[in-house]
Amino acid sequence: MPSTDTPSTVEPTHSWLITLQHPVPNGFTIATRTGSSTFPPGYPRQDAYTGIRDYLARREPLLAAADVLFFSLEPYRL
């Protein structure tokens, strides 16, 4: 996957937001994460989604099996 940790010297091409739900002993907890990434032109949206999920699973293993409640991937510039 292209970079999800965009260096500060490179402007990202997209920003993303994802909300996940995962079980805890007495119910569920919800986690929302945001970030920015750099993708080449024509990069498939599904690959971007999968890459972001993999990135989060590496950073926070508890989120690897979480259910997605919301996902947004938008161009970085308005």
PDB file of N, CA and C in Angstrom:
ATOM      1  N   MET A   1       0.844  -1.184   0.000  1.00  0.00           N
ATOM      2  CA  MET A   1       0.000   0.000   0.000  1.00  0.00           C
ATOM      3  C   MET A   1       0.880   1.235   0.000  1.00  0.00           C
ATOM      4  N   PRO A   2       0.498   2.254  -0.718  1.00  0.00           N
ATOM      5  CA  PRO A   2       1.202   3.521  -0.611  1.00  0.00           C
ATOM      6  C   PRO A   2       1.166   4.029   0.829  1.00  0.00           C
ATOM      7  N   SER A   3       1.927   5.025   1.105  1.00  0.00           N
ATOM      8  CA  SER A   3       2.158   5.496   2.470  1.00  0.00           C
ATOM      9  C   SER A   3       0.888   5.944   3.186  1.00  0.00           C
ATOM     10  N   THR A   4       0.719   5.439   4.420  1.00  0.00           N
ATOM     11  CA  THR A   4      -0.323   5.958   5.301  1.00  0.00           C
ATOM     12  C   THR A   4       0.293   6.890   6.330  1.00  0.00           C
ATOM     13  N   ASP A   5       1.616   6.871   6.448  1.00  0.00           N
ATOM     14  CA  ASP A   5       2.338   7.817   7.301  1.00  0.00           C
ATOM     15  C   ASP A   5       3.019   8.803   6.369  1.00  0.00           C
ATOM     16  N   THR A   6       2.278   9.745   5.870  1.00  0.00           N
ATOM     17  CA  THR A   6       2.805  10.690   4.891  1.00  0.00           C
ATOM     18  C   THR A   6       3.817  11.611   5.564  1.00  0.00           C
ATOM     19  N   PRO A   7       5.068  11.658   5.067  1.00  0.00           N
ATOM     20  CA  PRO A   7       6.052  12.576   5.648  1.00  0.00           C
ATOM     21  C   PRO A   7       5.556  14.017   5.538  1.00  0.00           C
ATOM     22  N   SER A   8       5.965  14.849   6.472  1.00  0.00           N
ATOM     23  CA  SER A   8       5.470  16.228   6.500  1.00  0.00           C
ATOM     24  C   SER A   8       5.907  17.034   5.279  1.00  0.00           C
ATOM     25  N   THR A   9       6.921  16.582   4.564  1.00  0.00           N
ATOM     26  CA  THR A   9       7.374  17.310   3.376  1.00  0.00           C
ATOM     27  C   THR A   9       6.583  16.953   2.129  1.00  0.00           C
ATOM     28  N   VAL A  10       5.761  15.919   2.197  1.00  0.00           N
ATOM     29  CA  VAL A  10       4.961  15.484   1.051  1.00  0.00           C
ATOM     30  C   VAL A  10       3.488  15.693   1.389  1.00  0.00           C
ATOM     31  N   GLU A  11       2.795  16.449   0.544  1.00  0.00           N
ATOM     32  CA  GLU A  11       1.371  16.636   0.794  1.00  0.00           C
ATOM     33  C   GLU A  11       0.619  15.354   0.453  1.00  0.00           C
ATOM     34  N   PRO A  12      -0.220  14.871   1.352  1.00  0.00           N
ATOM     35  CA  PRO A  12      -0.989  13.657   1.054  1.00  0.00           C
ATOM     36  C   PRO A  12      -1.993  13.893  -0.063  1.00  0.00           C
ATOM     37  N   THR A  13      -2.416  12.810  -0.695  1.00  0.00           N
ATOM     38  CA  THR A  13      -3.422  12.921  -1.748  1.00  0.00           C
ATOM     39  C   THR A  13      -4.834  12.716  -1.207  1.00  0.00           C
ATOM     40  N   HIS A  14      -4.949  12.017  -0.073  1.00  0.00           N
ATOM     41  CA  HIS A  14      -6.266  11.703   0.488  1.00  0.00           C
ATOM     42  C   HIS A  14      -6.241  11.779   2.013  1.00  0.00           C
ATOM     43  N   SER A  15      -7.401  12.079   2.573  1.00  0.00           N
ATOM     44  CA  SER A  15      -7.595  11.949   4.013  1.00  0.00           C
ATOM     45  C   SER A  15      -8.661  10.878   4.227  1.00  0.00           C
ATOM     46  N   TRP A  16      -8.579  10.209   5.357  1.00  0.00           N
ATOM     47  CA  TRP A  16      -9.527   9.133   5.630  1.00  0.00           C
ATOM     48  C   TRP A  16      -9.989   9.167   7.078  1.00  0.00           C
ATOM     49  N   LEU A  17     -11.161   8.593   7.288  1.00  0.00           N
ATOM     50  CA  LEU A  17     -11.753   8.444   8.603  1.00  0.00           C
ATOM     51  C   LEU A  17     -12.407   7.078   8.633  1.00  0.00           C
ATOM     52  N   ILE A  18     -12.194   6.344   9.711  1.00  0.00           N
ATOM     53  CA  ILE A  18     -12.802   5.022   9.848  1.00  0.00           C
ATOM     54  C   ILE A  18     -13.286   4.855  11.284  1.00  0.00           C
ATOM     55  N   THR A  19     -14.479   4.316  11.439  1.00  0.00           N
ATOM     56  CA  THR A  19     -15.035   4.016  12.750  1.00  0.00           C
ATOM     57  C   THR A  19     -15.237   2.511  12.837  1.00  0.00           C
ATOM     58  N   LEU A  20     -14.683   1.938  13.901  1.00  0.00           N
ATOM     59  CA  LEU A  20     -14.701   0.485  14.088  1.00  0.00           C
ATOM     60  C   LEU A  20     -15.365   0.133  15.414  1.00  0.00           C
ATOM     61  N   GLN A  21     -15.977  -1.029  15.458  1.00  0.00           N
ATOM     62  CA  GLN A  21     -16.598  -1.534  16.685  1.00  0.00           C
ATOM     63  C   GLN A  21     -16.022  -2.905  16.977  1.00  0.00           C
ATOM     64  N   HIS A  22     -15.626  -3.122  18.233  1.00  0.00           N
ATOM     65  CA  HIS A  22     -15.131  -4.442  18.590  1.00  0.00           C
ATOM     66  C   HIS A  22     -15.612  -4.811  19.991  1.00  0.00           C
ATOM     67  N   PRO A  23     -15.742  -6.126  20.249  1.00  0.00           N
ATOM     68  CA  PRO A  23     -16.269  -6.573  21.530  1.00  0.00           C
ATOM     69  C   PRO A  23     -15.278  -6.375  22.675  1.00  0.00           C
ATOM     70  N   VAL A  24     -15.842  -6.100  23.837  1.00  0.00           N
ATOM     71  CA  VAL A  24     -15.109  -6.054  25.103  1.00  0.00           C
ATOM     72  C   VAL A  24     -15.925  -6.890  26.086  1.00  0.00           C
ATOM     73  N   PRO A  25     -15.391  -7.194  27.257  1.00  0.00           N
ATOM     74  CA  PRO A  25     -16.100  -8.109  28.173  1.00  0.00           C
ATOM     75  C   PRO A  25     -17.565  -7.783  28.447  1.00  0.00           C
ATOM     76  N   ASN A  26     -17.944  -6.519  28.556  1.00  0.00           N
ATOM     77  CA  ASN A  26     -19.333  -6.182  28.880  1.00  0.00           C
ATOM     78  C   ASN A  26     -20.073  -5.499  27.744  1.00  0.00           C
ATOM     79  N   GLY A  27     -19.725  -5.806  26.507  1.00  0.00           N
ATOM     80  CA  GLY A  27     -20.417  -5.194  25.379  1.00  0.00           C
ATOM     81  C   GLY A  27     -19.483  -4.899  24.224  1.00  0.00           C
ATOM     82  N   PHE A  28     -19.505  -3.660  23.769  1.00  0.00           N
ATOM     83  CA  PHE A  28     -18.696  -3.244  22.628  1.00  0.00           C
ATOM     84  C   PHE A  28     -18.046  -1.910  22.913  1.00  0.00           C
ATOM     85  N   THR A  29     -16.982  -1.640  22.212  1.00  0.00           N
ATOM     86  CA  THR A  29     -16.372  -0.317  22.236  1.00  0.00           C
ATOM     87  C   THR A  29     -16.228   0.154  20.796  1.00  0.00           C
ATOM     88  N   ILE A  30     -16.264   1.443  20.623  1.00  0.00           N
ATOM     89  CA  ILE A  30     -16.166   2.028  19.283  1.00  0.00           C
ATOM     90  C   ILE A  30     -14.916   2.901  19.229  1.00  0.00           C
ATOM     91  N   ALA A  31     -14.182   2.763  18.155  1.00  0.00           N
ATOM     92  CA  ALA A  31     -12.953   3.540  17.957  1.00  0.00           C
ATOM     93  C   ALA A  31     -13.017   4.234  16.604  1.00  0.00           C
ATOM     94  N   THR A  32     -12.723   5.521  16.590  1.00  0.00           N
ATOM     95  CA  THR A  32     -12.649   6.275  15.342  1.00  0.00           C
ATOM     96  C   THR A  32     -11.213   6.737  15.160  1.00  0.00           C
ATOM     97  N   ARG A  33     -10.678   6.510  13.974  1.00  0.00           N
ATOM     98  CA  ARG A  33      -9.312   6.909  13.655  1.00  0.00           C
ATOM     99  C   ARG A  33      -9.326   7.723  12.367  1.00  0.00           C
ATOM    100  N   THR A  34      -8.416   8.670  12.271  1.00  0.00           N
ATOM    101  CA  THR A  34      -8.288   9.482  11.073  1.00  0.00           C
ATOM    102  C   THR A  34      -6.835   9.489  10.634  1.00  0.00           C
ATOM    103  N   GLY A  35      -6.622   9.827   9.380  1.00  0.00           N
ATOM    104  CA  GLY A  35      -5.262   9.910   8.885  1.00  0.00           C
ATOM    105  C   GLY A  35      -5.237  10.468   7.483  1.00  0.00           C
ATOM    106  N   SER A  36      -4.046  10.548   6.955  1.00  0.00           N
ATOM    107  CA  SER A  36      -3.878  10.969   5.571  1.00  0.00           C
ATOM    108  C   SER A  36      -2.912  10.007   4.902  1.00  0.00           C
ATOM    109  N   SER A  37      -3.082   9.852   3.606  1.00  0.00           N
ATOM    110  CA  SER A  37      -2.278   8.904   2.843  1.00  0.00           C
ATOM    111  C   SER A  37      -1.961   9.481   1.479  1.00  0.00           C
ATOM    112  N   THR A  38      -0.941   8.926   0.864  1.00  0.00           N
ATOM    113  CA  THR A  38      -0.566   9.301  -0.486  1.00  0.00           C
ATOM    114  C   THR A  38      -0.766   8.096  -1.394  1.00  0.00           C
ATOM    115  N   PHE A  39      -1.641   8.247  -2.383  1.00  0.00           N
ATOM    116  CA  PHE A  39      -1.943   7.192  -3.342  1.00  0.00           C
ATOM    117  C   PHE A  39      -1.637   7.691  -4.749  1.00  0.00           C
ATOM    118  N   PRO A  40      -1.109   6.832  -5.608  1.00  0.00           N
ATOM    119  CA  PRO A  40      -0.862   7.255  -6.988  1.00  0.00           C
ATOM    120  C   PRO A  40      -2.183   7.381  -7.757  1.00  0.00           C
ATOM    121  N   PRO A  41      -2.215   8.150  -8.824  1.00  0.00           N
ATOM    122  CA  PRO A  41      -3.430   8.258  -9.638  1.00  0.00           C
ATOM    123  C   PRO A  41      -3.901   6.865 -10.093  1.00  0.00           C
ATOM    124  N   GLY A  42      -5.197   6.633 -10.014  1.00  0.00           N
ATOM    125  CA  GLY A  42      -5.769   5.372 -10.459  1.00  0.00           C
ATOM    126  C   GLY A  42      -5.693   4.245  -9.442  1.00  0.00           C
ATOM    127  N   TYR A  43      -5.177   4.519  -8.247  1.00  0.00           N
ATOM    128  CA  TYR A  43      -5.063   3.472  -7.215  1.00  0.00           C
ATOM    129  C   TYR A  43      -6.468   3.025  -6.814  1.00  0.00           C
ATOM    130  N   PRO A  44      -6.739   1.711  -6.764  1.00  0.00           N
ATOM    131  CA  PRO A  44      -8.097   1.238  -6.452  1.00  0.00           C
ATOM    132  C   PRO A  44      -8.539   1.586  -5.024  1.00  0.00           C
ATOM    133  N   ARG A  45      -9.758   2.048  -4.898  1.00  0.00           N
ATOM    134  CA  ARG A  45     -10.321   2.393  -3.589  1.00  0.00           C
ATOM    135  C   ARG A  45     -10.299   1.188  -2.646  1.00  0.00           C
ATOM    136  N   GLN A  46     -10.621   0.002  -3.154  1.00  0.00           N
ATOM    137  CA  GLN A  46     -10.622  -1.200  -2.319  1.00  0.00           C
ATOM    138  C   GLN A  46      -9.234  -1.474  -1.753  1.00  0.00           C
ATOM    139  N   ASP A  47      -8.208  -1.267  -2.559  1.00  0.00           N
ATOM    140  CA  ASP A  47      -6.843  -1.467  -2.079  1.00  0.00           C
ATOM    141  C   ASP A  47      -6.479  -0.436  -1.012  1.00  0.00           C
ATOM    142  N   ALA A  48      -6.954   0.791  -1.178  1.00  0.00           N
ATOM    143  CA  ALA A  48      -6.717   1.823  -0.171  1.00  0.00           C
ATOM    144  C   ALA A  48      -7.384   1.427   1.143  1.00  0.00           C
ATOM    145  N   TYR A  49      -8.637   0.983   1.076  1.00  0.00           N
ATOM    146  CA  TYR A  49      -9.372   0.539   2.267  1.00  0.00           C
ATOM    147  C   TYR A  49      -8.634  -0.606   2.958  1.00  0.00           C
ATOM    148  N   THR A  50      -8.246  -1.610   2.190  1.00  0.00           N
ATOM    149  CA  THR A  50      -7.542  -2.768   2.759  1.00  0.00           C
ATOM    150  C   THR A  50      -6.216  -2.338   3.378  1.00  0.00           C
ATOM    151  N   GLY A  51      -5.506  -1.459   2.719  1.00  0.00           N
ATOM    152  CA  GLY A  51      -4.239  -0.968   3.246  1.00  0.00           C
ATOM    153  C   GLY A  51      -4.409  -0.206   4.553  1.00  0.00           C
ATOM    154  N   ILE A  52      -5.453   0.603   4.634  1.00  0.00           N
ATOM    155  CA  ILE A  52      -5.719   1.354   5.865  1.00  0.00           C
ATOM    156  C   ILE A  52      -6.083   0.394   6.991  1.00  0.00           C
ATOM    157  N   ARG A  53      -6.910  -0.604   6.706  1.00  0.00           N
ATOM    158  CA  ARG A  53      -7.244  -1.610   7.726  1.00  0.00           C
ATOM    159  C   ARG A  53      -5.998  -2.347   8.205  1.00  0.00           C
ATOM    160  N   ASP A  54      -5.134  -2.739   7.276  1.00  0.00           N
ATOM    161  CA  ASP A  54      -3.889  -3.429   7.642  1.00  0.00           C
ATOM    162  C   ASP A  54      -2.993  -2.525   8.486  1.00  0.00           C
ATOM    163  N   TYR A  55      -2.894  -1.271   8.098  1.00  0.00           N
ATOM    164  CA  TYR A  55      -2.101  -0.288   8.839  1.00  0.00           C
ATOM    165  C   TYR A  55      -2.596  -0.176  10.286  1.00  0.00           C
ATOM    166  N   LEU A  56      -3.910  -0.063  10.462  1.00  0.00           N
ATOM    167  CA  LEU A  56      -4.468   0.053  11.806  1.00  0.00           C
ATOM    168  C   LEU A  56      -4.263  -1.223  12.613  1.00  0.00           C
ATOM    169  N   ALA A  57      -4.388  -2.376  11.970  1.00  0.00           N
ATOM    170  CA  ALA A  57      -4.194  -3.656  12.665  1.00  0.00           C
ATOM    171  C   ALA A  57      -2.757  -3.802  13.166  1.00  0.00           C
ATOM    172  N   ARG A  58      -1.798  -3.298  12.391  1.00  0.00           N
ATOM    173  CA  ARG A  58      -0.404  -3.350  12.839  1.00  0.00           C
ATOM    174  C   ARG A  58      -0.175  -2.411  14.024  1.00  0.00           C
ATOM    175  N   ARG A  59      -0.782  -1.256  13.979  1.00  0.00           N
ATOM    176  CA  ARG A  59      -0.611  -0.267  15.056  1.00  0.00           C
ATOM    177  C   ARG A  59      -1.400  -0.618  16.309  1.00  0.00           C
ATOM    178  N   GLU A  60      -2.604  -1.172  16.103  1.00  0.00           N
ATOM    179  CA  GLU A  60      -3.491  -1.511  17.218  1.00  0.00           C
ATOM    180  C   GLU A  60      -4.102  -2.885  16.949  1.00  0.00           C
ATOM    181  N   PRO A  61      -3.420  -3.952  17.364  1.00  0.00           N
ATOM    182  CA  PRO A  61      -3.880  -5.312  17.046  1.00  0.00           C
ATOM    183  C   PRO A  61      -5.321  -5.614  17.455  1.00  0.00           C
ATOM    184  N   LEU A  62      -5.823  -4.968  18.480  1.00  0.00           N
ATOM    185  CA  LEU A  62      -7.210  -5.183  18.909  1.00  0.00           C
ATOM    186  C   LEU A  62      -8.204  -4.825  17.801  1.00  0.00           C
ATOM    187  N   LEU A  63      -7.818  -3.907  16.923  1.00  0.00           N
ATOM    188  CA  LEU A  63      -8.722  -3.458  15.856  1.00  0.00           C
ATOM    189  C   LEU A  63      -8.718  -4.385  14.635  1.00  0.00           C
ATOM    190  N   ALA A  64      -7.835  -5.358  14.614  1.00  0.00           N
ATOM    191  CA  ALA A  64      -7.715  -6.244  13.445  1.00  0.00           C
ATOM    192  C   ALA A  64      -9.024  -6.977  13.136  1.00  0.00           C
ATOM    193  N   ALA A  65      -9.750  -7.379  14.151  1.00  0.00           N
ATOM    194  CA  ALA A  65     -10.993  -8.131  13.943  1.00  0.00           C
ATOM    195  C   ALA A  65     -12.241  -7.271  14.150  1.00  0.00           C
ATOM    196  N   ALA A  66     -12.071  -5.967  14.242  1.00  0.00           N
ATOM    197  CA  ALA A  66     -13.206  -5.078  14.485  1.00  0.00           C
ATOM    198  C   ALA A  66     -14.096  -4.968  13.250  1.00  0.00           C
ATOM    199  N   ASP A  67     -15.352  -4.669  13.487  1.00  0.00           N
ATOM    200  CA  ASP A  67     -16.315  -4.442  12.408  1.00  0.00           C
ATOM    201  C   ASP A  67     -16.300  -2.961  12.031  1.00  0.00           C
ATOM    202  N   VAL A  68     -16.391  -2.686  10.750  1.00  0.00           N
ATOM    203  CA  VAL A  68     -16.396  -1.308  10.269  1.00  0.00           C
ATOM    204  C   VAL A  68     -17.823  -0.759  10.333  1.00  0.00           C
ATOM    205  N   LEU A  69     -17.972   0.369  11.008  1.00  0.00           N
ATOM    206  CA  LEU A  69     -19.254   1.055  11.053  1.00  0.00           C
ATOM    207  C   LEU A  69     -19.323   2.179  10.026  1.00  0.00           C
ATOM    208  N   PHE A  70     -18.174   2.788   9.744  1.00  0.00           N
ATOM    209  CA  PHE A  70     -18.132   3.904   8.807  1.00  0.00           C
ATOM    210  C   PHE A  70     -16.735   4.001   8.216  1.00  0.00           C
ATOM    211  N   PHE A  71     -16.658   4.342   6.921  1.00  0.00           N
ATOM    212  CA  PHE A  71     -15.376   4.567   6.266  1.00  0.00           C
ATOM    213  C   PHE A  71     -15.545   5.681   5.239  1.00  0.00           C
ATOM    214  N   SER A  72     -14.615   6.639   5.262  1.00  0.00           N
ATOM    215  CA  SER A  72     -14.625   7.721   4.299  1.00  0.00           C
ATOM    216  C   SER A  72     -13.214   7.943   3.795  1.00  0.00           C
ATOM    217  N   LEU A  73     -13.072   8.064   2.481  1.00  0.00           N
ATOM    218  CA  LEU A  73     -11.797   8.360   1.833  1.00  0.00           C
ATOM    219  C   LEU A  73     -12.059   9.494   0.858  1.00  0.00           C
ATOM    220  N   GLU A  74     -11.421  10.634   1.100  1.00  0.00           N
ATOM    221  CA  GLU A  74     -11.700  11.840   0.326  1.00  0.00           C
ATOM    222  C   GLU A  74     -10.405  12.460  -0.175  1.00  0.00           C
ATOM    223  N   PRO A  75     -10.465  13.170  -1.303  1.00  0.00           N
ATOM    224  CA  PRO A  75      -9.282  13.915  -1.741  1.00  0.00           C
ATOM    225  C   PRO A  75      -8.834  14.879  -0.644  1.00  0.00           C
ATOM    226  N   TYR A  76      -7.538  15.038  -0.490  1.00  0.00           N
ATOM    227  CA  TYR A  76      -6.993  15.851   0.579  1.00  0.00           C
ATOM    228  C   TYR A  76      -7.337  17.336   0.430  1.00  0.00           C
ATOM    229  N   ARG A  77      -7.300  17.814  -0.790  1.00  0.00           N
ATOM    230  CA  ARG A  77      -7.613  19.230  -1.028  1.00  0.00           C
ATOM    231  C   ARG A  77      -9.090  19.417  -1.332  1.00  0.00           C
ATOM    232  N   LEU A  78      -9.638  20.533  -0.912  1.00  0.00           N
ATOM    233  CA  LEU A  78     -11.044  20.852  -1.201  1.00  0.00           C
ATOM    234  C   LEU A  78     -11.180  21.415  -2.598  1.00  0.00           C
TER     235      LEU A  78
END
